Amino acid sequence: MRESRPFSCILNDGTLSNNLAEYNALLISLHLAQQMGVRYFEAYGDSVKGEYKVHHEDLISYHHATIQLANTFEGFYINQVSRSKIQR
């Protein structure tokens, strides 16, 4: 049975694009999970998806870093949710 540890991270003071803020939050979460010894990682967001090509130049390095970290886990799952479900 897998143990679930919900974690939420929002990093945007209004100067970052939503996509960039979401990548920052994801990378921080991945680093924390790695340090905690997490083997299976699940993330949910409205911008970051695992199966698409990044076209915006500012996001390419973030995407590559995310993939590299994701590959260190036994299982990695990212699910896109609508922005309306995230915002309250």
C-alpha atoms as a PDB file:
ATOM      1  CA  MET A   1       0.000   0.000   0.000  1.00  0.00           C
ATOM      2  CA  ARG A   2       1.371   3.382  -1.005  1.00  0.00           C
ATOM      3  CA  GLU A   3       1.497   6.186   1.513  1.00  0.00           C
ATOM      4  CA  SER A   4       0.217   9.526   0.306  1.00  0.00           C
ATOM      5  CA  ARG A   5       1.668  12.807   1.530  1.00  0.00           C
ATOM      6  CA  PRO A   6      -0.198  15.731   0.016  1.00  0.00           C
ATOM      7  CA  PHE A   7       1.962  18.755  -0.630  1.00  0.00           C
ATOM      8  CA  SER A   8       0.998  22.059  -2.154  1.00  0.00           C
ATOM      9  CA  CYS A   9       3.353  24.695  -3.450  1.00  0.00           C
ATOM     10  CA  ILE A  10       2.430  27.956  -5.116  1.00  0.00           C
ATOM     11  CA  LEU A  11       5.159  30.373  -6.111  1.00  0.00           C
ATOM     12  CA  ASN A  12       4.055  33.466  -7.913  1.00  0.00           C
ATOM     13  CA  ASP A  13       4.266  37.030  -6.767  1.00  0.00           C
ATOM     14  CA  GLY A  14       2.621  38.177  -9.980  1.00  0.00           C
ATOM     15  CA  THR A  15       5.864  38.575 -11.917  1.00  0.00           C
ATOM     16  CA  LEU A  16       6.039  35.027 -13.288  1.00  0.00           C
ATOM     17  CA  SER A  17       3.858  33.464 -15.914  1.00  0.00           C
ATOM     18  CA  ASN A  18       1.523  30.774 -14.597  1.00  0.00           C
ATOM     19  CA  ASN A  19       3.496  28.124 -16.486  1.00  0.00           C
ATOM     20  CA  LEU A  20       6.825  29.239 -15.045  1.00  0.00           C
ATOM     21  CA  ALA A  21       5.421  29.416 -11.505  1.00  0.00           C
ATOM     22  CA  GLU A  22       3.986  25.921 -11.921  1.00  0.00           C
ATOM     23  CA  TYR A  23       7.310  24.527 -13.140  1.00  0.00           C
ATOM     24  CA  ASN A  24       9.075  26.145 -10.173  1.00  0.00           C
ATOM     25  CA  ALA A  25       6.585  24.585  -7.763  1.00  0.00           C
ATOM     26  CA  LEU A  26       6.936  21.193  -9.454  1.00  0.00           C
ATOM     27  CA  LEU A  27      10.740  21.266  -9.366  1.00  0.00           C
ATOM     28  CA  ILE A  28      10.785  22.209  -5.688  1.00  0.00           C
ATOM     29  CA  SER A  29       8.297  19.430  -4.949  1.00  0.00           C
ATOM     30  CA  LEU A  30      10.386  16.907  -6.882  1.00  0.00           C
ATOM     31  CA  HIS A  31      13.537  17.898  -5.003  1.00  0.00           C
ATOM     32  CA  LEU A  32      11.755  17.616  -1.641  1.00  0.00           C
ATOM     33  CA  ALA A  33      10.262  14.249  -2.565  1.00  0.00           C
ATOM     34  CA  GLN A  34      13.653  12.977  -3.669  1.00  0.00           C
ATOM     35  CA  GLN A  35      15.230  14.053  -0.357  1.00  0.00           C
ATOM     36  CA  MET A  36      12.401  12.314   1.532  1.00  0.00           C
ATOM     37  CA  GLY A  37      13.056   9.056  -0.313  1.00  0.00           C
ATOM     38  CA  VAL A  38       9.749   9.080  -2.182  1.00  0.00           C
ATOM     39  CA  ARG A  39       9.593   6.390  -4.851  1.00  0.00           C
ATOM     40  CA  TYR A  40       6.282   7.247  -6.553  1.00  0.00           C
ATOM     41  CA  PHE A  41       5.404  10.856  -7.322  1.00  0.00           C
ATOM     42  CA  GLU A  42       2.045  12.271  -8.421  1.00  0.00           C
ATOM     43  CA  ALA A  43       1.469  15.901  -9.359  1.00  0.00           C
ATOM     44  CA  TYR A  44      -1.546  17.829 -10.538  1.00  0.00           C
ATOM     45  CA  GLY A  45      -1.584  21.161 -12.311  1.00  0.00           C
ATOM     46  CA  ASP A  46      -3.253  23.184 -15.003  1.00  0.00           C
ATOM     47  CA  SER A  47      -0.190  23.928 -17.151  1.00  0.00           C
ATOM     48  CA  VAL A  48       2.461  21.259 -16.785  1.00  0.00           C
ATOM     49  CA  LYS A  49       1.775  18.032 -18.627  1.00  0.00           C
ATOM     50  CA  GLY A  50       4.167  15.177 -19.230  1.00  0.00           C
ATOM     51  CA  GLU A  51       3.346  14.412 -22.853  1.00  0.00           C
ATOM     52  CA  TYR A  52       3.846  17.486 -24.954  1.00  0.00           C
ATOM     53  CA  LYS A  53       6.549  19.543 -26.573  1.00  0.00           C
ATOM     54  CA  VAL A  54       7.597  22.793 -24.952  1.00  0.00           C
ATOM     55  CA  HIS A  55       7.689  25.625 -27.439  1.00  0.00           C
ATOM     56  CA  HIS A  56       8.229  28.636 -25.193  1.00  0.00           C
ATOM     57  CA  GLU A  57      11.962  29.238 -24.941  1.00  0.00           C
ATOM     58  CA  ASP A  58      11.828  30.220 -21.254  1.00  0.00           C
ATOM     59  CA  LEU A  59      10.268  26.874 -20.290  1.00  0.00           C
ATOM     60  CA  ILE A  60      12.538  24.451 -22.156  1.00  0.00           C
ATOM     61  CA  SER A  61      15.225  24.269 -19.452  1.00  0.00           C
ATOM     62  CA  TYR A  62      12.536  23.821 -16.769  1.00  0.00           C
ATOM     63  CA  HIS A  63      10.947  21.018 -18.767  1.00  0.00           C
ATOM     64  CA  HIS A  64      14.286  19.215 -19.189  1.00  0.00           C
ATOM     65  CA  ALA A  65      15.073  19.558 -15.480  1.00  0.00           C
ATOM     66  CA  THR A  66      11.623  18.187 -14.626  1.00  0.00           C
ATOM     67  CA  ILE A  67      12.085  15.156 -16.887  1.00  0.00           C
ATOM     68  CA  GLN A  68      15.527  14.442 -15.432  1.00  0.00           C
ATOM     69  CA  LEU A  69      14.201  14.539 -11.870  1.00  0.00           C
ATOM     70  CA  ALA A  70      11.072  12.583 -12.784  1.00  0.00           C
ATOM     71  CA  ASN A  71      13.239   9.784 -14.164  1.00  0.00           C
ATOM     72  CA  THR A  72      14.820   9.284 -10.736  1.00  0.00           C
ATOM     73  CA  PHE A  73      11.499   7.997  -9.320  1.00  0.00           C
ATOM     74  CA  GLU A  74      10.175   4.467  -9.742  1.00  0.00           C
ATOM     75  CA  GLY A  75       6.856   5.964 -10.743  1.00  0.00           C
ATOM     76  CA  PHE A  76       6.012   9.463 -11.897  1.00  0.00           C
ATOM     77  CA  TYR A  77       2.537  10.675 -12.785  1.00  0.00           C
ATOM     78  CA  ILE A  78       1.374  14.123 -13.797  1.00  0.00           C
ATOM     79  CA  ASN A  79      -2.268  14.888 -14.390  1.00  0.00           C
ATOM     80  CA  GLN A  80      -3.713  18.037 -15.854  1.00  0.00           C
ATOM     81  CA  VAL A  81      -6.662  19.567 -14.035  1.00  0.00           C
ATOM     82  CA  SER A  82      -8.672  22.553 -15.120  1.00  0.00           C
ATOM     83  CA  ARG A  83      -7.679  25.918 -13.714  1.00  0.00           C
ATOM     84  CA  SER A  84     -11.205  26.403 -12.365  1.00  0.00           C
ATOM     85  CA  LYS A  85     -10.734  23.372 -10.089  1.00  0.00           C
ATOM     86  CA  ILE A  86      -7.478  24.785  -8.721  1.00  0.00           C
ATOM     87  CA  GLN A  87      -8.598  28.349  -8.054  1.00  0.00           C
ATOM     88  CA  ARG A  88     -11.016  28.884  -5.226  1.00  0.00           C
END
